[in-house]
């Protein structure tokens, strides 16, 4: 069973696969989530990107605090089962839908 996706902070990008089966989301917390459109559920969560993005948070009294956070900025489909994600860590990960490890990393 897949764990829930708890993206913290804004989602910067979403992309549907060309066949409409999948939806990717890229988030401030450094994750890329792969959603099964037909089943309306999370299929897989990837945690590749680390550090380099300025995050903004508010406490209970509305004070703003700043800190470094993981950050996935964008995602794009390459084929029906392969996609790329890029982040503030200055890396691009090439991933396959059902694999945990990147098939290629660009720095």
Protein backbone atom coordinates (compact mmCIF):
# COMPACT_ATOMS: atom_id res chain seq x y z
CA UNK A 1 0.00 0.00 0.00
CA UNK A 2 1.28 3.46 -0.90
CA UNK A 3 1.86 6.00 1.86
CA UNK A 4 -0.07 9.27 1.60
CA UNK A 5 1.61 12.22 -0.06
CA UNK A 6 1.97 15.10 2.34
CA UNK A 7 3.42 17.85 0.21
CA UNK A 8 4.36 20.71 2.51
CA UNK A 9 4.10 24.14 1.01
CA UNK A 10 3.10 25.18 -2.45
CA UNK A 11 3.01 22.94 -5.48
CA UNK A 12 5.05 24.62 -8.21
CA UNK A 13 4.03 22.50 -11.20
CA UNK A 14 1.69 19.75 -12.35
CA UNK A 15 1.79 17.79 -15.60
CA UNK A 16 -0.52 15.17 -17.06
CA UNK A 17 1.08 12.34 -19.03
CA UNK A 18 0.21 12.35 -22.74
CA UNK A 19 -1.97 9.25 -22.34
CA UNK A 20 -3.82 10.83 -19.36
CA UNK A 21 -2.98 7.97 -16.99
CA UNK A 22 -0.69 9.96 -14.67
CA UNK A 23 -0.40 13.37 -13.05
CA UNK A 24 2.92 14.61 -11.66
CA UNK A 25 3.23 17.32 -9.01
CA UNK A 26 6.38 19.21 -7.95
CA UNK A 27 6.44 20.71 -4.45
CA UNK A 28 8.40 23.04 -2.18
CA UNK A 29 9.20 20.11 0.13
CA UNK A 30 11.38 18.52 -2.58
CA UNK A 31 8.97 15.76 -3.51
CA UNK A 32 7.55 14.72 -6.83
CA UNK A 33 4.27 12.88 -6.50
CA UNK A 34 2.87 10.58 -9.16
CA UNK A 35 -0.91 10.34 -9.12
CA UNK A 36 -3.04 7.67 -10.79
CA UNK A 37 -5.73 9.76 -12.51
CA UNK A 38 -8.28 6.97 -13.03
CA UNK A 39 -7.97 5.63 -9.47
CA UNK A 40 -7.73 9.16 -7.99
CA UNK A 41 -4.90 8.15 -5.65
CA UNK A 42 -1.20 8.54 -5.05
CA UNK A 43 0.83 5.93 -6.94
CA UNK A 44 4.33 6.90 -5.78
CA UNK A 45 6.23 9.69 -4.04
CA UNK A 46 9.83 10.51 -5.00
CA UNK A 47 12.15 12.41 -2.63
CA UNK A 48 15.11 13.39 -4.77
CA UNK A 49 15.73 17.10 -4.37
CA UNK A 50 17.63 18.46 -1.39
CA UNK A 51 18.10 22.03 -0.20
CA UNK A 52 18.65 25.36 -1.80
CA UNK A 53 15.17 26.88 -1.84
CA UNK A 54 14.05 29.66 0.44
CA UNK A 55 10.82 28.76 2.22
CA UNK A 56 8.45 31.07 4.02
CA UNK A 57 6.41 30.03 7.04
CA UNK A 58 3.98 31.79 9.34
CA UNK A 59 3.57 31.13 13.04
CA UNK A 60 0.36 31.53 15.07
CA UNK A 61 0.94 35.30 15.43
CA UNK A 62 1.59 35.77 11.68
CA UNK A 63 5.31 36.38 11.98
CA UNK A 64 7.24 35.36 8.90
CA UNK A 65 10.29 33.13 9.21
CA UNK A 66 12.71 32.12 6.48
CA UNK A 67 14.81 29.01 6.11
CA UNK A 68 16.36 26.64 3.63
CA UNK A 69 14.16 23.81 2.43
CA UNK A 70 14.09 21.07 -0.16
CA UNK A 71 12.51 22.28 -3.36
CA UNK A 72 11.28 20.59 -6.54
CA UNK A 73 10.56 23.36 -9.05
CA UNK A 74 9.26 21.63 -12.17
CA UNK A 75 8.41 18.28 -13.77
CA UNK A 76 8.01 17.18 -17.38
CA UNK A 77 7.11 13.94 -19.13
CA UNK A 78 9.66 12.43 -21.54
CA UNK A 79 7.71 9.28 -22.48
CA UNK A 80 4.56 7.60 -21.12
CA UNK A 81 6.57 6.12 -18.22
CA UNK A 82 9.63 8.38 -17.94
CA UNK A 83 9.79 11.92 -16.56
CA UNK A 84 12.25 14.59 -15.43
CA UNK A 85 12.18 16.69 -12.27
CA UNK A 86 14.35 19.73 -11.58
CA UNK A 87 14.99 21.46 -8.30
CA UNK A 88 16.68 24.30 -6.47
CA UNK A 89 19.47 21.82 -5.70
CA UNK A 90 20.57 22.40 -9.33
CA UNK A 91 19.88 18.79 -10.29
CA UNK A 92 17.65 17.16 -12.88
CA UNK A 93 16.52 13.62 -12.16
CA UNK A 94 15.31 11.33 -14.94
CA UNK A 95 12.91 8.81 -13.41
CA UNK A 96 10.79 5.85 -14.47
CA UNK A 97 7.30 5.47 -13.05
CA UNK A 98 7.86 2.21 -11.15
CA UNK A 99 11.52 2.62 -10.16
CA UNK A 100 12.81 4.16 -6.94
CA UNK A 101 16.21 5.27 -8.22
CA UNK A 102 16.91 7.81 -10.95
CA UNK A 103 18.06 6.38 -14.27
CA UNK A 104 20.11 9.55 -14.87
CA UNK A 105 21.08 12.63 -12.82
CA UNK A 106 22.31 15.88 -14.32
CA UNK A 107 24.13 18.45 -12.16
